[in-house]
Amino acid sequence: MGEPWRDLRVGDRIRVVRFPSDWERPDYHVPPCTRRLYRLLIERGRPVRVYEVDEDGLPWVRCRFRLGDGWEHHFLAVNDDSWVRVSKL
């Protein structure tokens, strides 16, 4: 069975619904800023759109959050099991 993220294409919408299962391994290190980004995406509950698939086949999403009087921008490669595809209407 293949990895579902490999089927993502530009324009697909996904929702991050949990932390990646790899993070549960005792030897797996995740920077605090990445944990924070996943937490923000999970709490917000809105879909994000794949805007690019790079030369290695990694799908990327971008998002932004309003913080105080400005915006915080993020980019995230989606190559884990933290997301679900959002159906097209």
Protein backbone atom coordinates (compact mmCIF):
# COMPACT_ATOMS: atom_id res chain seq x y z
CA MET A 1 0.00 0.00 0.00
CA GLY A 2 1.35 3.42 -0.96
CA GLU A 3 1.55 6.53 1.14
CA PRO A 4 -1.64 8.62 0.65
CA TRP A 5 0.24 11.93 0.59
CA ARG A 6 1.87 10.84 -2.68
CA ASP A 7 -1.54 11.15 -4.37
CA LEU A 8 -1.98 14.81 -3.42
CA ARG A 9 -1.94 17.31 -6.27
CA VAL A 10 -1.88 21.09 -6.53
CA GLY A 11 -5.32 22.41 -5.60
CA ASP A 12 -6.29 19.49 -3.35
CA ARG A 13 -7.68 20.52 0.03
CA ILE A 14 -6.75 18.77 3.27
CA ARG A 15 -7.45 19.28 6.95
CA VAL A 16 -4.82 18.57 9.60
CA VAL A 17 -6.64 16.57 12.29
CA ARG A 18 -3.90 15.09 14.50
CA PHE A 19 -0.18 15.05 15.16
CA PRO A 20 1.78 12.65 12.91
CA SER A 21 2.06 9.15 14.39
CA ASP A 22 5.85 9.19 13.85
CA TRP A 23 6.06 11.79 16.61
CA GLU A 24 5.20 9.11 19.17
CA ARG A 25 8.50 7.30 18.63
CA PRO A 26 10.86 7.97 21.55
CA ASP A 27 13.80 8.78 19.26
CA TYR A 28 11.86 11.22 17.03
CA HIS A 29 12.65 14.92 17.52
CA VAL A 30 10.23 17.64 16.46
CA PRO A 31 11.11 21.33 16.84
CA PRO A 32 8.75 23.27 19.12
CA CYS A 33 7.80 25.64 16.28
CA THR A 34 6.60 22.68 14.18
CA ARG A 35 4.56 21.28 17.08
CA ARG A 36 3.01 24.72 17.52
CA LEU A 37 2.10 24.96 13.82
CA TYR A 38 0.36 21.56 13.88
CA ARG A 39 -1.49 22.53 17.07
CA LEU A 40 -2.68 25.78 15.46
CA LEU A 41 -3.86 23.96 12.32
CA ILE A 42 -5.68 21.30 14.35
CA GLU A 43 -7.37 23.87 16.59
CA ARG A 44 -8.41 26.06 13.67
CA GLY A 45 -10.03 23.11 11.91
CA ARG A 46 -10.09 24.74 8.47
CA PRO A 47 -8.78 23.11 5.32
CA VAL A 48 -5.59 24.19 3.60
CA ARG A 49 -4.85 23.85 -0.10
CA VAL A 50 -1.83 22.14 -1.67
CA TYR A 51 -0.12 24.95 -3.56
CA GLU A 52 2.95 23.09 -4.83
CA VAL A 53 4.38 19.63 -5.35
CA ASP A 54 8.15 19.94 -5.38
CA GLU A 55 10.71 18.07 -7.51
CA ASP A 56 10.88 15.28 -4.90
CA GLY A 57 7.11 14.76 -5.02
CA LEU A 58 6.42 16.43 -1.65
CA PRO A 59 3.12 18.33 -1.49
CA TRP A 60 3.33 21.70 0.27
CA VAL A 61 0.63 23.81 1.91
CA ARG A 62 0.83 27.38 3.09
CA CYS A 63 -1.20 29.03 5.79
CA ARG A 64 -1.32 32.18 7.81
CA PHE A 65 -2.60 33.16 11.22
CA ARG A 66 -3.60 36.58 12.48
CA LEU A 67 -1.59 37.34 15.60
CA GLY A 68 -2.02 40.64 17.34
CA ASP A 69 -1.73 43.36 14.74
CA GLY A 70 -0.05 41.28 12.03
CA TRP A 71 0.10 37.98 10.20
CA GLU A 72 2.26 34.92 10.72
CA HIS A 73 2.96 32.91 7.53
CA HIS A 74 3.91 29.22 7.40
CA PHE A 75 4.80 26.59 4.81
CA LEU A 76 4.50 22.88 5.54
CA ALA A 77 5.44 19.75 3.59
CA VAL A 78 2.72 17.13 3.99
CA ASN A 79 4.35 13.70 4.09
CA ASP A 80 2.73 12.11 7.12
CA ASP A 81 -0.58 10.73 8.39
CA SER A 82 -1.84 13.86 10.17
CA TRP A 83 -4.44 14.91 7.63
CA VAL A 84 -7.64 13.94 5.84
CA ARG A 85 -8.69 14.95 2.35
CA VAL A 86 -11.54 17.45 2.14
CA SER A 87 -14.15 16.45 -0.40
CA LYS A 88 -14.97 18.78 -3.25
CA LEU A 89 -18.55 20.03 -3.21
